Amino acid sequence: MSTRQTLTLSGLDLNTFHQIRERASASGNSMNRYILKLLRNEIQPDTAGMDHHDLDEFFGSWNDDTFNRVMETITKQRGIDLEIWS
Protein backbone atom coordinates (compact mmCIF):
# COMPACT_ATOMS: atom_id res chain seq x y z
CA MET A 1 0.00 0.00 0.00
CA SER A 2 1.30 3.47 -0.89
CA THR A 3 2.11 5.87 1.92
CA ARG A 4 0.67 8.72 -0.12
CA GLN A 5 -3.05 9.16 -0.36
CA THR A 6 -5.28 11.10 -2.73
CA LEU A 7 -7.84 13.66 -1.61
CA THR A 8 -10.51 15.23 -3.81
CA LEU A 9 -12.09 18.54 -2.86
CA SER A 10 -15.65 19.32 -3.86
CA GLY A 11 -17.63 22.51 -3.47
CA LEU A 12 -14.68 24.80 -4.09
CA ASP A 13 -15.92 28.18 -5.30
CA LEU A 14 -14.39 29.74 -8.40
CA ASN A 15 -12.86 32.71 -6.55
CA THR A 16 -11.00 30.43 -4.12
CA PHE A 17 -9.85 28.25 -7.00
CA HIS A 18 -8.41 31.27 -8.84
CA GLN A 19 -6.69 32.56 -5.70
CA ILE A 20 -5.07 29.17 -5.11
CA ARG A 21 -3.92 29.05 -8.72
CA GLU A 22 -2.48 32.58 -8.56
CA ARG A 23 -0.70 32.03 -5.23
CA ALA A 24 0.68 28.68 -6.37
CA SER A 25 2.02 30.26 -9.53
CA ALA A 26 3.50 33.22 -7.63
CA SER A 27 5.30 30.83 -5.28
CA GLY A 28 6.60 28.74 -8.17
CA ASN A 29 4.58 25.68 -7.19
CA SER A 30 1.88 23.59 -8.77
CA MET A 31 -1.56 23.93 -7.23
CA ASN A 32 -1.20 20.47 -5.72
CA ARG A 33 2.17 21.23 -4.12
CA TYR A 34 0.91 24.62 -2.87
CA ILE A 35 -2.16 23.05 -1.21
CA LEU A 36 -0.02 20.27 0.31
CA LYS A 37 2.27 22.90 1.85
CA LEU A 38 -0.72 24.80 3.23
CA LEU A 39 -2.14 21.65 4.79
CA ARG A 40 1.20 20.51 6.23
CA ASN A 41 1.88 23.95 7.73
CA GLU A 42 -1.57 24.01 9.30
CA ILE A 43 -1.54 20.46 10.66
CA GLN A 44 2.17 19.97 11.38
CA PRO A 45 3.71 23.40 11.78
CA ASP A 46 7.48 23.57 11.64
CA THR A 47 8.23 25.17 14.97
CA ALA A 48 11.75 26.07 13.86
CA GLY A 49 10.30 28.35 11.21
CA MET A 50 7.56 29.85 13.36
CA ASP A 51 7.58 33.34 14.78
CA HIS A 52 7.31 33.40 18.54
CA HIS A 53 5.75 36.39 20.27
CA ASP A 54 5.65 35.26 23.90
CA LEU A 55 8.39 37.73 24.94
CA ASP A 56 7.33 40.70 22.80
CA GLU A 57 6.15 42.70 25.81
CA PHE A 58 9.72 42.78 27.14
CA PHE A 59 11.41 44.15 24.02
CA GLY A 60 12.11 47.83 24.36
CA SER A 61 11.02 47.86 28.00
CA TRP A 62 14.46 48.61 29.48
CA ASN A 63 15.55 52.19 29.91
CA ASP A 64 19.23 53.13 29.44
CA ASP A 65 20.03 52.79 33.15
CA THR A 66 18.61 49.26 33.35
CA PHE A 67 20.38 48.23 30.17
CA ASN A 68 23.72 49.58 31.39
CA ARG A 69 23.38 47.82 34.77
CA VAL A 70 22.56 44.50 33.10
CA MET A 71 25.46 44.84 30.65
CA GLU A 72 27.84 45.71 33.49
CA THR A 73 26.76 42.61 35.42
CA ILE A 74 27.09 40.38 32.35
CA THR A 75 30.55 41.77 31.61
CA LYS A 76 31.69 41.02 35.17
CA GLN A 77 30.34 37.46 34.92
CA ARG A 78 32.22 36.81 31.69
CA GLY A 79 35.56 37.29 33.41
CA ILE A 80 37.76 34.27 34.02
CA ASP A 81 39.07 33.81 37.53
CA LEU A 82 42.61 32.66 36.73
CA GLU A 83 43.15 31.57 40.34
CA ILE A 84 40.41 28.95 39.95
CA TRP A 85 41.19 27.88 36.38
CA SER A 86 45.00 27.81 36.32
PDB file of N, CA and C in Angstrom:
ATOM      1  N   MET A   1       0.837  -1.180   0.000  1.00  0.00           N
ATOM      2  CA  MET A   1       0.000   0.000   0.000  1.00  0.00           C
ATOM      3  C   MET A   1       0.884   1.245   0.000  1.00  0.00           C
ATOM      4  N   SER A   2       0.546   2.226  -0.797  1.00  0.00           N
ATOM      5  CA  SER A   2       1.296   3.471  -0.893  1.00  0.00           C
ATOM      6  C   SER A   2       1.123   4.297   0.376  1.00  0.00           C
ATOM      7  N   THR A   3       2.199   4.996   0.746  1.00  0.00           N
ATOM      8  CA  THR A   3       2.113   5.865   1.921  1.00  0.00           C
ATOM      9  C   THR A   3       1.469   7.203   1.574  1.00  0.00           C
ATOM     10  N   ARG A   4       1.304   7.474   0.311  1.00  0.00           N
ATOM     11  CA  ARG A   4       0.666   8.724  -0.123  1.00  0.00           C
ATOM     12  C   ARG A   4      -0.773   8.438  -0.513  1.00  0.00           C
ATOM     13  N   GLN A   5      -1.624   9.322  -0.087  1.00  0.00           N
ATOM     14  CA  GLN A   5      -3.050   9.162  -0.361  1.00  0.00           C
ATOM     15  C   GLN A   5      -3.538  10.298  -1.250  1.00  0.00           C
ATOM     16  N   THR A   6      -4.676  10.097  -1.868  1.00  0.00           N
ATOM     17  CA  THR A   6      -5.282  11.100  -2.732  1.00  0.00           C
ATOM     18  C   THR A   6      -6.514  11.663  -2.056  1.00  0.00           C
ATOM     19  N   LEU A   7      -6.689  12.975  -2.185  1.00  0.00           N
ATOM     20  CA  LEU A   7      -7.842  13.656  -1.610  1.00  0.00           C
ATOM     21  C   LEU A   7      -8.475  14.500  -2.704  1.00  0.00           C
ATOM     22  N   THR A   8      -9.779  14.421  -2.842  1.00  0.00           N
ATOM     23  CA  THR A   8     -10.510  15.229  -3.811  1.00  0.00           C
ATOM     24  C   THR A   8     -11.352  16.240  -3.060  1.00  0.00           C
ATOM     25  N   LEU A   9     -11.282  17.493  -3.472  1.00  0.00           N
ATOM     26  CA  LEU A   9     -12.094  18.541  -2.864  1.00  0.00           C
ATOM     27  C   LEU A   9     -13.308  18.803  -3.742  1.00  0.00           C
ATOM     28  N   SER A  10     -14.449  18.942  -3.105  1.00  0.00           N
ATOM     29  CA  SER A  10     -15.647  19.318  -3.857  1.00  0.00           C
ATOM     30  C   SER A  10     -16.244  20.551  -3.216  1.00  0.00           C
ATOM     31  N   GLY A  11     -16.980  21.317  -3.983  1.00  0.00           N
ATOM     32  CA  GLY A  11     -17.631  22.506  -3.469  1.00  0.00           C
ATOM     33  C   GLY A  11     -16.725  23.723  -3.394  1.00  0.00           C
ATOM     34  N   LEU A  12     -15.613  23.690  -4.096  1.00  0.00           N
ATOM     35  CA  LEU A  12     -14.678  24.804  -4.093  1.00  0.00           C
ATOM     36  C   LEU A  12     -15.199  25.900  -5.013  1.00  0.00           C
ATOM     37  N   ASP A  13     -15.394  27.101  -4.457  1.00  0.00           N
ATOM     38  CA  ASP A  13     -15.922  28.184  -5.296  1.00  0.00           C
ATOM     39  C   ASP A  13     -14.846  28.689  -6.249  1.00  0.00           C
ATOM     40  N   LEU A  14     -15.280  29.312  -7.325  1.00  0.00           N
ATOM     41  CA  LEU A  14     -14.389  29.738  -8.399  1.00  0.00           C
ATOM     42  C   LEU A  14     -13.367  30.766  -7.914  1.00  0.00           C
ATOM     43  N   ASN A  15     -13.779  31.689  -7.055  1.00  0.00           N
ATOM     44  CA  ASN A  15     -12.862  32.710  -6.549  1.00  0.00           C
ATOM     45  C   ASN A  15     -11.714  32.062  -5.772  1.00  0.00           C
ATOM     46  N   THR A  16     -12.028  31.126  -4.898  1.00  0.00           N
ATOM     47  CA  THR A  16     -10.996  30.432  -4.124  1.00  0.00           C
ATOM     48  C   THR A  16     -10.067  29.656  -5.044  1.00  0.00           C
ATOM     49  N   PHE A  17     -10.643  28.997  -6.030  1.00  0.00           N
ATOM     50  CA  PHE A  17      -9.850  28.246  -7.001  1.00  0.00           C
ATOM     51  C   PHE A  17      -8.845  29.165  -7.700  1.00  0.00           C
ATOM     52  N   HIS A  18      -9.298  30.332  -8.140  1.00  0.00           N
ATOM     53  CA  HIS A  18      -8.410  31.271  -8.837  1.00  0.00           C
ATOM     54  C   HIS A  18      -7.331  31.814  -7.899  1.00  0.00           C
ATOM     55  N   GLN A  19      -7.694  32.076  -6.653  1.00  0.00           N
ATOM     56  CA  GLN A  19      -6.692  32.562  -5.700  1.00  0.00           C
ATOM     57  C   GLN A  19      -5.625  31.509  -5.430  1.00  0.00           C
ATOM     58  N   ILE A  20      -6.038  30.259  -5.310  1.00  0.00           N
ATOM     59  CA  ILE A  20      -5.069  29.173  -5.112  1.00  0.00           C
ATOM     60  C   ILE A  20      -4.141  29.078  -6.314  1.00  0.00           C
ATOM     61  N   ARG A  21      -4.722  29.140  -7.501  1.00  0.00           N
ATOM     62  CA  ARG A  21      -3.917  29.047  -8.716  1.00  0.00           C
ATOM     63  C   ARG A  21      -2.918  30.199  -8.806  1.00  0.00           C
ATOM     64  N   GLU A  22      -3.367  31.416  -8.499  1.00  0.00           N
ATOM     65  CA  GLU A  22      -2.484  32.582  -8.557  1.00  0.00           C
ATOM     66  C   GLU A  22      -1.366  32.498  -7.520  1.00  0.00           C
ATOM     67  N   ARG A  23      -1.712  32.113  -6.294  1.00  0.00           N
ATOM     68  CA  ARG A  23      -0.701  32.025  -5.234  1.00  0.00           C
ATOM     69  C   ARG A  23       0.290  30.896  -5.496  1.00  0.00           C
ATOM     70  N   ALA A  24      -0.213  29.797  -6.029  1.00  0.00           N
ATOM     71  CA  ALA A  24       0.677  28.684  -6.367  1.00  0.00           C
ATOM     72  C   ALA A  24       1.666  29.121  -7.443  1.00  0.00           C
ATOM     73  N   SER A  25       1.164  29.790  -8.452  1.00  0.00           N
ATOM     74  CA  SER A  25       2.015  30.264  -9.532  1.00  0.00           C
ATOM     75  C   SER A  25       3.040  31.271  -9.019  1.00  0.00           C
ATOM     76  N   ALA A  26       2.592  32.201  -8.177  1.00  0.00           N
ATOM     77  CA  ALA A  26       3.496  33.224  -7.631  1.00  0.00           C
ATOM     78  C   ALA A  26       4.598  32.603  -6.768  1.00  0.00           C
ATOM     79  N   SER A  27       4.296  31.484  -6.120  1.00  0.00           N
ATOM     80  CA  SER A  27       5.303  30.831  -5.278  1.00  0.00           C
ATOM     81  C   SER A  27       6.141  29.823  -6.054  1.00  0.00           C
ATOM     82  N   GLY A  28       5.834  29.658  -7.331  1.00  0.00           N
ATOM     83  CA  GLY A  28       6.598  28.737  -8.166  1.00  0.00           C
ATOM     84  C   GLY A  28       6.238  27.276  -7.955  1.00  0.00           C
ATOM     85  N   ASN A  29       5.024  27.042  -7.459  1.00  0.00           N
ATOM     86  CA  ASN A  29       4.579  25.680  -7.187  1.00  0.00           C
ATOM     87  C   ASN A  29       3.360  25.328  -8.022  1.00  0.00           C
ATOM     88  N   SER A  30       3.134  24.044  -8.178  1.00  0.00           N
ATOM     89  CA  SER A  30       1.878  23.587  -8.772  1.00  0.00           C
ATOM     90  C   SER A  30       0.785  23.808  -7.734  1.00  0.00           C
ATOM     91  N   MET A  31      -0.454  23.778  -8.168  1.00  0.00           N
ATOM     92  CA  MET A  31      -1.559  23.933  -7.228  1.00  0.00           C
ATOM     93  C   MET A  31      -1.524  22.817  -6.194  1.00  0.00           C
ATOM     94  N   ASN A  32      -1.249  21.618  -6.635  1.00  0.00           N
ATOM     95  CA  ASN A  32      -1.195  20.473  -5.724  1.00  0.00           C
ATOM     96  C   ASN A  32      -0.129  20.677  -4.648  1.00  0.00           C
ATOM     97  N   ARG A  33       1.073  21.035  -5.078  1.00  0.00           N
ATOM     98  CA  ARG A  33       2.165  21.230  -4.123  1.00  0.00           C
ATOM     99  C   ARG A  33       1.853  22.389  -3.175  1.00  0.00           C
ATOM    100  N   TYR A  34       1.262  23.466  -3.696  1.00  0.00           N
ATOM    101  CA  TYR A  34       0.909  24.621  -2.872  1.00  0.00           C
ATOM    102  C   TYR A  34      -0.108  24.224  -1.796  1.00  0.00           C
ATOM    103  N   ILE A  35      -1.130  23.485  -2.165  1.00  0.00           N
ATOM    104  CA  ILE A  35      -2.156  23.054  -1.211  1.00  0.00           C
ATOM    105  C   ILE A  35      -1.563  22.088  -0.185  1.00  0.00           C
ATOM    106  N   LEU A  36      -0.686  21.182  -0.636  1.00  0.00           N
ATOM    107  CA  LEU A  36      -0.024  20.271   0.311  1.00  0.00           C
ATOM    108  C   LEU A  36       0.781  21.043   1.350  1.00  0.00           C
ATOM    109  N   LYS A  37       1.499  22.088   0.908  1.00  0.00           N
ATOM    110  CA  LYS A  37       2.273  22.899   1.851  1.00  0.00           C
ATOM    111  C   LYS A  37       1.354  23.604   2.831  1.00  0.00           C
ATOM    112  N   LEU A  38       0.243  24.143   2.342  1.00  0.00           N
ATOM    113  CA  LEU A  38      -0.719  24.798   3.232  1.00  0.00           C
ATOM    114  C   LEU A  38      -1.229  23.832   4.291  1.00  0.00           C
ATOM    115  N   LEU A  39      -1.607  22.643   3.852  1.00  0.00           N
ATOM    116  CA  LEU A  39      -2.137  21.647   4.790  1.00  0.00           C
ATOM    117  C   LEU A  39      -1.082  21.206   5.798  1.00  0.00           C
ATOM    118  N   ARG A  40       0.132  20.938   5.321  1.00  0.00           N
ATOM    119  CA  ARG A  40       1.202  20.511   6.229  1.00  0.00           C
ATOM    120  C   ARG A  40       1.512  21.599   7.257  1.00  0.00           C
ATOM    121  N   ASN A  41       1.579  22.846   6.805  1.00  0.00           N
ATOM    122  CA  ASN A  41       1.879  23.948   7.726  1.00  0.00           C
ATOM    123  C   ASN A  41       0.774  24.136   8.755  1.00  0.00           C
ATOM    124  N   GLU A  42      -0.451  23.865   8.380  1.00  0.00           N
ATOM    125  CA  GLU A  42      -1.568  24.010   9.303  1.00  0.00           C
ATOM    126  C   GLU A  42      -1.625  22.852  10.293  1.00  0.00           C
ATOM    127  N   ILE A  43      -1.389  21.656   9.822  1.00  0.00           N
ATOM    128  CA  ILE A  43      -1.536  20.462  10.656  1.00  0.00           C
ATOM    129  C   ILE A  43      -0.258  20.128  11.415  1.00  0.00           C
ATOM    130  N   GLN A  44       0.880  20.292  10.759  1.00  0.00           N
ATOM    131  CA  GLN A  44       2.167  19.966  11.378  1.00  0.00           C
ATOM    132  C   GLN A  44       3.107  21.155  11.224  1.00  0.00           C
ATOM    133  N   PRO A  45       2.867  22.223  11.960  1.00  0.00           N
ATOM    134  CA  PRO A  45       3.712  23.400  11.776  1.00  0.00           C
ATOM    135  C   PRO A  45       5.160  23.124  12.147  1.00  0.00           C
ATOM    136  N   ASP A  46       6.042  23.683  11.375  1.00  0.00           N
ATOM    137  CA  ASP A  46       7.478  23.569  11.642  1.00  0.00           C
ATOM    138  C   ASP A  46       7.830  24.623  12.674  1.00  0.00           C
ATOM    139  N   THR A  47       8.003  24.210  13.901  1.00  0.00           N
ATOM    140  CA  THR A  47       8.231  25.172  14.968  1.00  0.00           C
ATOM    141  C   THR A  47       9.540  25.930  14.787  1.00  0.00           C
ATOM    142  N   ALA A  48      10.481  25.363  14.069  1.00  0.00           N
ATOM    143  CA  ALA A  48      11.745  26.074  13.857  1.00  0.00           C
ATOM    144  C   ALA A  48      11.536  27.292  12.977  1.00  0.00           C
ATOM    145  N   GLY A  49      10.547  27.240  12.101  1.00  0.00           N
ATOM    146  CA  GLY A  49      10.296  28.354  11.207  1.00  0.00           C
ATOM    147  C   GLY A  49       9.206  29.288  11.689  1.00  0.00           C
ATOM    148  N   MET A  50       8.664  29.032  12.862  1.00  0.00           N
ATOM    149  CA  MET A  50       7.565  29.848  13.356  1.00  0.00           C
ATOM    150  C   MET A  50       8.076  31.087  14.074  1.00  0.00           C
ATOM    151  N   ASP A  51       7.297  32.150  13.995  1.00  0.00           N
ATOM    152  CA  ASP A  51       7.575  33.339  14.781  1.00  0.00           C
ATOM    153  C   ASP A  51       7.002  33.133  16.169  1.00  0.00           C
ATOM    154  N   HIS A  52       7.775  33.501  17.165  1.00  0.00           N
ATOM    155  CA  HIS A  52       7.309  33.404  18.541  1.00  0.00           C
ATOM    156  C   HIS A  52       7.143  34.812  19.097  1.00  0.00           C
ATOM    157  N   HIS A  53       6.039  35.048  19.768  1.00  0.00           N
ATOM    158  CA  HIS A  53       5.753  36.387  20.274  1.00  0.00           C
ATOM    159  C   HIS A  53       5.530  36.401  21.785  1.00  0.00           C
ATOM    160  N   ASP A  54       5.917  35.348  22.472  1.00  0.00           N
ATOM    161  CA  ASP A  54       5.650  35.263  23.903  1.00  0.00           C
ATOM    162  C   ASP A  54       6.486  36.231  24.732  1.00  0.00           C
ATOM    163  N   LEU A  55       7.557  36.786  24.188  1.00  0.00           N
ATOM    164  CA  LEU A  55       8.388  37.727  24.941  1.00  0.00           C
ATOM    165  C   LEU A  55       8.329  39.145  24.373  1.00  0.00           C
ATOM    166  N   ASP A  56       7.413  39.397  23.457  1.00  0.00           N
ATOM    167  CA  ASP A  56       7.328  40.699  22.804  1.00  0.00           C
ATOM    168  C   ASP A  56       7.154  41.847  23.791  1.00  0.00           C
ATOM    169  N   GLU A  57       6.411  41.616  24.861  1.00  0.00           N
ATOM    170  CA  GLU A  57       6.148  42.697  25.815  1.00  0.00           C
ATOM    171  C   GLU A  57       7.422  43.193  26.495  1.00  0.00           C
ATOM    172  N   PHE A  58       8.481  42.395  26.479  1.00  0.00           N
ATOM    173  CA  PHE A  58       9.717  42.780  27.142  1.00  0.00           C
ATOM    174  C   PHE A  58      10.673  43.556  26.238  1.00  0.00           C
ATOM    175  N   PHE A  59      10.519  43.456  24.933  1.00  0.00           N
ATOM    176  CA  PHE A  59      11.410  44.153  24.020  1.00  0.00           C
ATOM    177  C   PHE A  59      11.155  45.650  24.095  1.00  0.00           C
ATOM    178  N   GLY A  60      12.220  46.378  24.270  1.00  0.00           N
ATOM    179  CA  GLY A  60      12.109  47.826  24.357  1.00  0.00           C
ATOM    180  C   GLY A  60      11.636  48.331  25.703  1.00  0.00           C
ATOM    181  N   SER A  61      11.544  47.439  26.705  1.00  0.00           N
ATOM    182  CA  SER A  61      11.016  47.858  28.001  1.00  0.00           C
ATOM    183  C   SER A  61      12.107  48.343  28.955  1.00  0.00           C
ATOM    184  N   TRP A  62      13.374  48.142  28.612  1.00  0.00           N
ATOM    185  CA  TRP A  62      14.455  48.607  29.483  1.00  0.00           C
ATOM    186  C   TRP A  62      14.802  50.053  29.134  1.00  0.00           C
ATOM    187  N   ASN A  63      15.021  50.855  30.160  1.00  0.00           N
ATOM    188  CA  ASN A  63      15.553  52.189  29.910  1.00  0.00           C
ATOM    189  C   ASN A  63      17.080  52.074  29.861  1.00  0.00           C
ATOM    190  N   ASP A  64      17.767  53.171  29.581  1.00  0.00           N
ATOM    191  CA  ASP A  64      19.226  53.127  29.435  1.00  0.00           C
ATOM    192  C   ASP A  64      19.919  52.692  30.721  1.00  0.00           C
ATOM    193  N   ASP A  65      19.414  53.146  31.863  1.00  0.00           N
ATOM    194  CA  ASP A  65      20.027  52.795  33.145  1.00  0.00           C
ATOM    195  C   ASP A  65      19.955  51.280  33.386  1.00  0.00           C
ATOM    196  N   THR A  66      18.771  50.702  33.162  1.00  0.00           N
ATOM    197  CA  THR A  66      18.607  49.257  33.354  1.00  0.00           C
ATOM    198  C   THR A  66      19.508  48.489  32.406  1.00  0.00           C
ATOM    199  N   PHE A  67      19.540  48.894  31.160  1.00  0.00           N
ATOM    200  CA  PHE A  67      20.381  48.230  30.166  1.00  0.00           C
ATOM    201  C   PHE A  67      21.849  48.270  30.595  1.00  0.00           C
ATOM    202  N   ASN A  68      22.309  49.439  30.999  1.00  0.00           N
ATOM    203  CA  ASN A  68      23.716  49.576  31.394  1.00  0.00           C
ATOM    204  C   ASN A  68      24.052  48.727  32.613  1.00  0.00           C
ATOM    205  N   ARG A  69      23.143  48.658  33.589  1.00  0.00           N
ATOM    206  CA  ARG A  69      23.385  47.820  34.772  1.00  0.00           C
ATOM    207  C   ARG A  69      23.445  46.339  34.385  1.00  0.00           C
ATOM    208  N   VAL A  70      22.560  45.907  33.535  1.00  0.00           N
ATOM    209  CA  VAL A  70      22.564  44.503  33.097  1.00  0.00           C
ATOM    210  C   VAL A  70      23.843  44.197  32.333  1.00  0.00           C
ATOM    211  N   MET A  71      24.233  45.078  31.425  1.00  0.00           N
ATOM    212  CA  MET A  71      25.456  44.844  30.646  1.00  0.00           C
ATOM    213  C   MET A  71      26.690  44.834  31.542  1.00  0.00           C
ATOM    214  N   GLU A  72      26.721  45.686  32.550  1.00  0.00           N
ATOM    215  CA  GLU A  72      27.839  45.711  33.489  1.00  0.00           C
ATOM    216  C   GLU A  72      27.930  44.386  34.248  1.00  0.00           C
ATOM    217  N   THR A  73      26.794  43.881  34.693  1.00  0.00           N
ATOM    218  CA  THR A  73      26.761  42.606  35.415  1.00  0.00           C
ATOM    219  C   THR A  73      27.202  41.456  34.514  1.00  0.00           C
ATOM    220  N   ILE A  74      26.714  41.438  33.295  1.00  0.00           N
ATOM    221  CA  ILE A  74      27.093  40.376  32.352  1.00  0.00           C
ATOM    222  C   ILE A  74      28.594  40.427  32.073  1.00  0.00           C
ATOM    223  N   THR A  75      29.117  41.622  31.886  1.00  0.00           N
ATOM    224  CA  THR A  75      30.554  41.771  31.610  1.00  0.00           C
ATOM    225  C   THR A  75      31.387  41.228  32.761  1.00  0.00           C
ATOM    226  N   LYS A  76      30.977  41.533  33.994  1.00  0.00           N
ATOM    227  CA  LYS A  76      31.694  41.016  35.166  1.00  0.00           C
ATOM    228  C   LYS A  76      31.648  39.490  35.211  1.00  0.00           C
ATOM    229  N   GLN A  77      30.508  38.913  34.859  1.00  0.00           N
ATOM    230  CA  GLN A  77      30.341  37.465  34.919  1.00  0.00           C
ATOM    231  C   GLN A  77      31.126  36.748  33.835  1.00  0.00           C
ATOM    232  N   ARG A  78      31.467  37.429  32.781  1.00  0.00           N
ATOM    233  CA  ARG A  78      32.220  36.813  31.688  1.00  0.00           C
ATOM    234  C   ARG A  78      33.710  36.709  31.999  1.00  0.00           C
ATOM    235  N   GLY A  79      34.152  37.345  33.052  1.00  0.00           N
ATOM    236  CA  GLY A  79      35.565  37.292  33.412  1.00  0.00           C
ATOM    237  C   GLY A  79      35.970  35.894  33.854  1.00  0.00           C
ATOM    238  N   ILE A  80      37.208  35.574  33.625  1.00  0.00           N
ATOM    239  CA  ILE A  80      37.757  34.269  34.017  1.00  0.00           C
ATOM    240  C   ILE A  80      38.603  34.461  35.266  1.00  0.00           C
ATOM    241  N   ASP A  81      38.279  33.756  36.310  1.00  0.00           N
ATOM    242  CA  ASP A  81      39.065  33.811  37.535  1.00  0.00           C
ATOM    243  C   ASP A  81      40.255  32.875  37.353  1.00  0.00           C
ATOM    244  N   LEU A  82      41.412  33.458  37.042  1.00  0.00           N
ATOM    245  CA  LEU A  82      42.609  32.664  36.735  1.00  0.00           C
ATOM    246  C   LEU A  82      43.066  31.837  37.940  1.00  0.00           C
ATOM    247  N   GLU A  83      42.757  32.312  39.144  1.00  0.00           N
ATOM    248  CA  GLU A  83      43.146  31.570  40.339  1.00  0.00           C
ATOM    249  C   GLU A  83      42.434  30.219  40.402  1.00  0.00           C
ATOM    250  N   ILE A  84      41.190  30.202  39.942  1.00  0.00           N
ATOM    251  CA  ILE A  84      40.414  28.950  39.948  1.00  0.00           C
ATOM    252  C   ILE A  84      40.788  28.060  38.764  1.00  0.00           C
ATOM    253  N   TRP A  85      41.030  28.656  37.602  1.00  0.00           N
ATOM    254  CA  TRP A  85      41.192  27.882  36.378  1.00  0.00           C
ATOM    255  C   TRP A  85      42.649  27.678  35.943  1.00  0.00           C
ATOM    256  N   SER A  86      43.625  28.046  36.742  1.00  0.00           N
ATOM    257  CA  SER A  86      44.998  27.809  36.321  1.00  0.00           C
ATOM    258  C   SER A  86      45.574  26.578  36.941  1.00  0.00           C
TER     259      SER A  86
END
